[in-house]
PDB file of all heavy atoms in Angstrom:
ATOM      1  N   GLY A   1      -0.465  10.917  -3.075  1.00  0.00           N
ATOM      2  CA  GLY A   1       0.721  11.698  -3.247  1.00  0.00           C
ATOM      3  C   GLY A   1       0.870  12.837  -2.284  1.00  0.00           C
ATOM      4  O   GLY A   1       1.857  13.566  -2.279  1.00  0.00           O
ATOM      5  N   GLY A   2      -0.097  12.927  -1.342  1.00  0.00           N
ATOM      6  CA  GLY A   2      -0.156  14.072  -0.497  1.00  0.00           C
ATOM      7  C   GLY A   2       0.784  13.946   0.706  1.00  0.00           C
ATOM      8  O   GLY A   2       1.061  14.882   1.447  1.00  0.00           O
ATOM      9  N   ILE A   3       1.202  12.679   1.022  1.00  0.00           N
ATOM     10  CA  ILE A   3       2.046  12.467   2.204  1.00  0.00           C
ATOM     11  C   ILE A   3       3.250  11.671   1.756  1.00  0.00           C
ATOM     12  O   ILE A   3       3.234  10.728   1.037  1.00  0.00           O
ATOM     13  CB  ILE A   3       1.293  11.612   3.242  1.00  0.00           C
ATOM     14  CG1 ILE A   3      -0.048  12.286   3.698  1.00  0.00           C
ATOM     15  CG2 ILE A   3       2.177  11.351   4.478  1.00  0.00           C
ATOM     16  CD1 ILE A   3      -0.858  11.431   4.628  1.00  0.00           C
ATOM     17  N   THR A   4       4.463  12.224   2.250  1.00  0.00           N
ATOM     18  CA  THR A   4       5.750  11.563   1.853  1.00  0.00           C
ATOM     19  C   THR A   4       6.547  11.394   3.128  1.00  0.00           C
ATOM     20  O   THR A   4       6.433  12.294   4.069  1.00  0.00           O
ATOM     21  CB  THR A   4       6.517  12.354   0.801  1.00  0.00           C
ATOM     22  OG1 THR A   4       6.682  13.673   1.299  1.00  0.00           O
ATOM     23  CG2 THR A   4       5.722  12.404  -0.476  1.00  0.00           C
ATOM     24  N   TYR A   5       7.392  10.481   3.146  1.00  0.00           N
ATOM     25  CA  TYR A   5       8.432  10.278   4.181  1.00  0.00           C
ATOM     26  C   TYR A   5       9.755   9.976   3.544  1.00  0.00           C
ATOM     27  O   TYR A   5       9.823   9.307   2.464  1.00  0.00           O
ATOM     28  CB  TYR A   5       8.052   9.201   5.202  1.00  0.00           C
ATOM     29  CG  TYR A   5       6.750   9.435   5.981  1.00  0.00           C
ATOM     30  CD1 TYR A   5       5.594   8.943   5.527  1.00  0.00           C
ATOM     31  CD2 TYR A   5       6.880  10.078   7.185  1.00  0.00           C
ATOM     32  CE1 TYR A   5       4.394   9.172   6.305  1.00  0.00           C
ATOM     33  CE2 TYR A   5       5.757  10.339   7.930  1.00  0.00           C
ATOM     34  CZ  TYR A   5       4.500   9.900   7.497  1.00  0.00           C
ATOM     35  OH  TYR A   5       3.335  10.076   8.248  1.00  0.00           O
ATOM     36  N   TYR A   6      10.923  10.459   4.230  1.00  0.00           N
ATOM     37  CA  TYR A   6      12.187  10.235   3.714  1.00  0.00           C
ATOM     38  C   TYR A   6      13.140   9.681   4.790  1.00  0.00           C
ATOM     39  O   TYR A   6      12.987   9.955   5.901  1.00  0.00           O
ATOM     40  CB  TYR A   6      12.686  11.525   3.135  1.00  0.00           C
ATOM     41  CG  TYR A   6      11.939  12.124   1.962  1.00  0.00           C
ATOM     42  CD1 TYR A   6      10.905  13.009   2.181  1.00  0.00           C
ATOM     43  CD2 TYR A   6      12.309  11.717   0.668  1.00  0.00           C
ATOM     44  CE1 TYR A   6      10.242  13.553   1.043  1.00  0.00           C
ATOM     45  CE2 TYR A   6      11.634  12.241  -0.450  1.00  0.00           C
ATOM     46  CZ  TYR A   6      10.568  13.087  -0.190  1.00  0.00           C
ATOM     47  OH  TYR A   6       9.919  13.643  -1.282  1.00  0.00           O
ATOM     48  N   GLY A   7      14.110   8.932   4.233  1.00  0.00           N
ATOM     49  CA  GLY A   7      15.172   8.546   5.168  1.00  0.00           C
ATOM     50  C   GLY A   7      16.026   9.716   5.507  1.00  0.00           C
ATOM     51  O   GLY A   7      16.163  10.691   4.713  1.00  0.00           O
ATOM     52  N   ASP A   8      16.663   9.692   6.630  1.00  0.00           N
ATOM     53  CA  ASP A   8      17.437  10.847   7.107  1.00  0.00           C
ATOM     54  C   ASP A   8      18.565  11.192   6.187  1.00  0.00           C
ATOM     55  O   ASP A   8      18.944  12.384   6.032  1.00  0.00           O
ATOM     56  CB  ASP A   8      17.950  10.558   8.585  1.00  0.00           C
ATOM     57  CG  ASP A   8      16.904  10.545   9.618  1.00  0.00           C
ATOM     58  OD1 ASP A   8      15.821  11.133   9.346  1.00  0.00           O
ATOM     59  OD2 ASP A   8      17.128   9.981  10.708  1.00  0.00           O
ATOM     60  N   SER A   9      19.096  10.174   5.638  1.00  0.00           N
ATOM     61  CA  SER A   9      20.348  10.416   4.723  1.00  0.00           C
ATOM     62  C   SER A   9      19.947  11.096   3.413  1.00  0.00           C
ATOM     63  O   SER A   9      20.917  11.566   2.777  1.00  0.00           O
ATOM     64  CB  SER A   9      21.129   9.139   4.441  1.00  0.00           C
ATOM     65  OG  SER A   9      20.135   8.272   3.792  1.00  0.00           O
ATOM     66  N   VAL A  10      18.674  11.155   3.036  1.00  0.00           N
ATOM     67  CA  VAL A  10      18.353  11.753   1.767  1.00  0.00           C
ATOM     68  C   VAL A  10      17.434  12.970   1.877  1.00  0.00           C
ATOM     69  O   VAL A  10      17.131  13.625   0.909  1.00  0.00           O
ATOM     70  CB  VAL A  10      17.656  10.708   0.923  1.00  0.00           C
ATOM     71  CG1 VAL A  10      18.575   9.485   0.690  1.00  0.00           C
ATOM     72  CG2 VAL A  10      16.308  10.355   1.307  1.00  0.00           C
ATOM     73  N   LYS A  11      16.999  13.309   3.174  1.00  0.00           N
ATOM     74  CA  LYS A  11      16.163  14.448   3.317  1.00  0.00           C
ATOM     75  C   LYS A  11      16.755  15.702   2.747  1.00  0.00           C
ATOM     76  O   LYS A  11      17.901  15.980   2.922  1.00  0.00           O
ATOM     77  CB  LYS A  11      15.847  14.553   4.858  1.00  0.00           C
ATOM     78  CG  LYS A  11      14.748  13.643   5.414  1.00  0.00           C
ATOM     79  CD  LYS A  11      14.576  13.876   6.811  1.00  0.00           C
ATOM     80  CE  LYS A  11      13.520  12.880   7.345  1.00  0.00           C
ATOM     81  NZ  LYS A  11      13.319  13.070   8.780  1.00  0.00           N
ATOM     82  N   GLY A  12      15.925  16.438   2.003  1.00  0.00           N
ATOM     83  CA  GLY A  12      16.364  17.707   1.505  1.00  0.00           C
ATOM     84  C   GLY A  12      17.122  17.639   0.124  1.00  0.00           C
ATOM     85  O   GLY A  12      17.303  18.572  -0.530  1.00  0.00           O
ATOM     86  N   ARG A  13      17.446  16.289  -0.285  1.00  0.00           N
ATOM     87  CA  ARG A  13      18.107  16.126  -1.486  1.00  0.00           C
ATOM     88  C   ARG A  13      17.236  15.297  -2.529  1.00  0.00           C
ATOM     89  O   ARG A  13      17.309  15.563  -3.700  1.00  0.00           O
ATOM     90  CB  ARG A  13      19.445  15.352  -1.303  1.00  0.00           C
ATOM     91  CG  ARG A  13      20.431  16.140  -0.398  1.00  0.00           C
ATOM     92  CD  ARG A  13      21.738  15.474  -0.308  1.00  0.00           C
ATOM     93  NE  ARG A  13      21.726  14.066   0.243  1.00  0.00           N
ATOM     94  CZ  ARG A  13      22.096  13.012  -0.417  1.00  0.00           C
ATOM     95  NH1 ARG A  13      22.571  13.064  -1.658  1.00  0.00           N
ATOM     96  NH2 ARG A  13      21.981  11.798   0.149  1.00  0.00           N
ATOM     97  N   PHE A  14      16.484  14.427  -2.022  1.00  0.00           N
ATOM     98  CA  PHE A  14      15.648  13.526  -2.835  1.00  0.00           C
ATOM     99  C   PHE A  14      14.203  13.962  -2.700  1.00  0.00           C
ATOM    100  O   PHE A  14      13.739  14.358  -1.671  1.00  0.00           O
ATOM    101  CB  PHE A  14      15.764  12.071  -2.398  1.00  0.00           C
ATOM    102  CG  PHE A  14      17.141  11.479  -2.711  1.00  0.00           C
ATOM    103  CD1 PHE A  14      18.264  12.189  -3.050  1.00  0.00           C
ATOM    104  CD2 PHE A  14      17.319  10.061  -2.614  1.00  0.00           C
ATOM    105  CE1 PHE A  14      19.398  11.630  -3.362  1.00  0.00           C
ATOM    106  CE2 PHE A  14      18.520   9.503  -2.847  1.00  0.00           C
ATOM    107  CZ  PHE A  14      19.637  10.255  -3.276  1.00  0.00           C
ATOM    108  N   THR A  15      13.426  13.640  -3.787  1.00  0.00           N
ATOM    109  CA  THR A  15      12.016  13.990  -3.824  1.00  0.00           C
ATOM    110  C   THR A  15      11.259  12.840  -4.524  1.00  0.00           C
ATOM    111  O   THR A  15      11.584  12.490  -5.640  1.00  0.00           O
ATOM    112  CB  THR A  15      11.652  15.297  -4.490  1.00  0.00           C
ATOM    113  OG1 THR A  15      12.401  16.332  -3.890  1.00  0.00           O
ATOM    114  CG2 THR A  15      10.214  15.607  -4.465  1.00  0.00           C
ATOM    115  N   ILE A  16      10.325  12.259  -3.752  1.00  0.00           N
ATOM    116  CA  ILE A  16       9.468  11.194  -4.365  1.00  0.00           C
ATOM    117  C   ILE A  16       8.152  11.870  -4.875  1.00  0.00           C
ATOM    118  O   ILE A  16       7.623  12.705  -4.250  1.00  0.00           O
ATOM    119  CB  ILE A  16       9.231  10.063  -3.360  1.00  0.00           C
ATOM    120  CG1 ILE A  16       8.465   8.880  -4.074  1.00  0.00           C
ATOM    121  CG2 ILE A  16       8.431  10.593  -2.155  1.00  0.00           C
ATOM    122  CD1 ILE A  16       8.366   7.610  -3.111  1.00  0.00           C
ATOM    123  N   SER A  17       7.688  11.397  -5.965  1.00  0.00           N
ATOM    124  CA  SER A  17       6.402  11.796  -6.541  1.00  0.00           C
ATOM    125  C   SER A  17       5.754  10.744  -7.355  1.00  0.00           C
ATOM    126  O   SER A  17       6.402   9.752  -7.594  1.00  0.00           O
ATOM    127  CB  SER A  17       6.616  13.055  -7.404  1.00  0.00           C
ATOM    128  OG  SER A  17       7.470  12.770  -8.512  1.00  0.00           O
ATOM    129  N   ARG A  18       4.502  10.919  -7.739  1.00  0.00           N
ATOM    130  CA  ARG A  18       3.847   9.850  -8.471  1.00  0.00           C
ATOM    131  C   ARG A  18       2.874  10.452  -9.452  1.00  0.00           C
ATOM    132  O   ARG A  18       2.289  11.471  -9.188  1.00  0.00           O
ATOM    133  CB  ARG A  18       3.148   8.894  -7.597  1.00  0.00           C
ATOM    134  CG  ARG A  18       2.016   9.381  -6.760  1.00  0.00           C
ATOM    135  CD  ARG A  18       1.634   8.410  -5.729  1.00  0.00           C
ATOM    136  NE  ARG A  18       1.071   7.172  -6.258  1.00  0.00           N
ATOM    137  CZ  ARG A  18       0.889   6.033  -5.552  1.00  0.00           C
ATOM    138  NH1 ARG A  18       1.230   5.993  -4.267  1.00  0.00           N
ATOM    139  NH2 ARG A  18       0.409   4.967  -6.169  1.00  0.00           N
ATOM    140  N   ASP A  19       2.662   9.763 -10.531  1.00  0.00           N
ATOM    141  CA  ASP A  19       1.657  10.049 -11.535  1.00  0.00           C
ATOM    142  C   ASP A  19       0.713   8.899 -11.650  1.00  0.00           C
ATOM    143  O   ASP A  19       1.047   7.907 -12.315  1.00  0.00           O
ATOM    144  CB  ASP A  19       2.299  10.425 -12.902  1.00  0.00           C
ATOM    145  CG  ASP A  19       1.298  10.852 -13.978  1.00  0.00           C
ATOM    146  OD1 ASP A  19       0.088  10.630 -13.772  1.00  0.00           O
ATOM    147  OD2 ASP A  19       1.726  11.447 -14.903  1.00  0.00           O
ATOM    148  N   ASN A  20      -0.411   8.922 -10.981  1.00  0.00           N
ATOM    149  CA  ASN A  20      -1.260   7.741 -10.968  1.00  0.00           C
ATOM    150  C   ASN A  20      -1.920   7.433 -12.347  1.00  0.00           C
ATOM    151  O   ASN A  20      -2.254   6.291 -12.619  1.00  0.00           O
ATOM    152  CB  ASN A  20      -2.438   7.960  -9.902  1.00  0.00           C
ATOM    153  CG  ASN A  20      -1.805   7.883  -8.521  1.00  0.00           C
ATOM    154  OD1 ASN A  20      -0.812   7.292  -8.290  1.00  0.00           O
ATOM    155  ND2 ASN A  20      -2.446   8.579  -7.558  1.00  0.00           N
ATOM    156  N   ALA A  21      -2.045   8.487 -13.185  1.00  0.00           N
ATOM    157  CA  ALA A  21      -2.588   8.238 -14.456  1.00  0.00           C
ATOM    158  C   ALA A  21      -1.613   7.358 -15.350  1.00  0.00           C
ATOM    159  O   ALA A  21      -2.086   6.616 -16.183  1.00  0.00           O
ATOM    160  CB  ALA A  21      -2.840   9.554 -15.200  1.00  0.00           C
ATOM    161  N   LYS A  22      -0.405   7.473 -15.050  1.00  0.00           N
ATOM    162  CA  LYS A  22       0.598   6.621 -15.679  1.00  0.00           C
ATOM    163  C   LYS A  22       1.104   5.457 -14.858  1.00  0.00           C
ATOM    164  O   LYS A  22       1.968   4.679 -15.354  1.00  0.00           O
ATOM    165  CB  LYS A  22       1.794   7.473 -16.035  1.00  0.00           C
ATOM    166  CG  LYS A  22       1.526   8.666 -16.982  1.00  0.00           C
ATOM    167  CD  LYS A  22       2.750   9.466 -17.332  1.00  0.00           C
ATOM    168  CE  LYS A  22       2.429  10.550 -18.310  1.00  0.00           C
ATOM    169  NZ  LYS A  22       3.646  11.438 -18.586  1.00  0.00           N
ATOM    170  N   ASN A  23       0.509   5.230 -13.618  1.00  0.00           N
ATOM    171  CA  ASN A  23       0.992   4.152 -12.740  1.00  0.00           C
ATOM    172  C   ASN A  23       2.489   4.147 -12.596  1.00  0.00           C
ATOM    173  O   ASN A  23       3.162   3.104 -12.633  1.00  0.00           O
ATOM    174  CB  ASN A  23       0.546   2.824 -13.362  1.00  0.00           C
ATOM    175  CG  ASN A  23      -0.749   2.259 -12.750  1.00  0.00           C
ATOM    176  OD1 ASN A  23      -1.328   2.925 -11.914  1.00  0.00           O
ATOM    177  ND2 ASN A  23      -0.996   1.002 -13.073  1.00  0.00           N
ATOM    178  N   THR A  24       3.034   5.378 -12.406  1.00  0.00           N
ATOM    179  CA  THR A  24       4.477   5.561 -12.271  1.00  0.00           C
ATOM    180  C   THR A  24       4.861   6.328 -11.074  1.00  0.00           C
ATOM    181  O   THR A  24       4.145   7.384 -10.759  1.00  0.00           O
ATOM    182  CB  THR A  24       4.988   6.219 -13.510  1.00  0.00           C
ATOM    183  OG1 THR A  24       4.680   5.406 -14.681  1.00  0.00           O
ATOM    184  CG2 THR A  24       6.543   6.416 -13.473  1.00  0.00           C
ATOM    185  N   VAL A  25       5.852   5.988 -10.360  1.00  0.00           N
ATOM    186  CA  VAL A  25       6.410   6.758  -9.241  1.00  0.00           C
ATOM    187  C   VAL A  25       7.834   7.093  -9.649  1.00  0.00           C
ATOM    188  O   VAL A  25       8.547   6.524 -10.361  1.00  0.00           O
ATOM    189  CB  VAL A  25       6.413   5.946  -7.959  1.00  0.00           C
ATOM    190  CG1 VAL A  25       7.187   4.775  -8.032  1.00  0.00           C
ATOM    191  CG2 VAL A  25       6.764   6.807  -6.810  1.00  0.00           C
TER     192      VAL A  25
END
C-alpha cells in the first residue's frame, strides 16, 4: 500500500487504498 499510481484524468480526485487483513481494495 505504500506505492500508488493514478491515471491523469483522476489525479487529485481519486484515492486507492487497501486493507490486506480484509483482502479488500
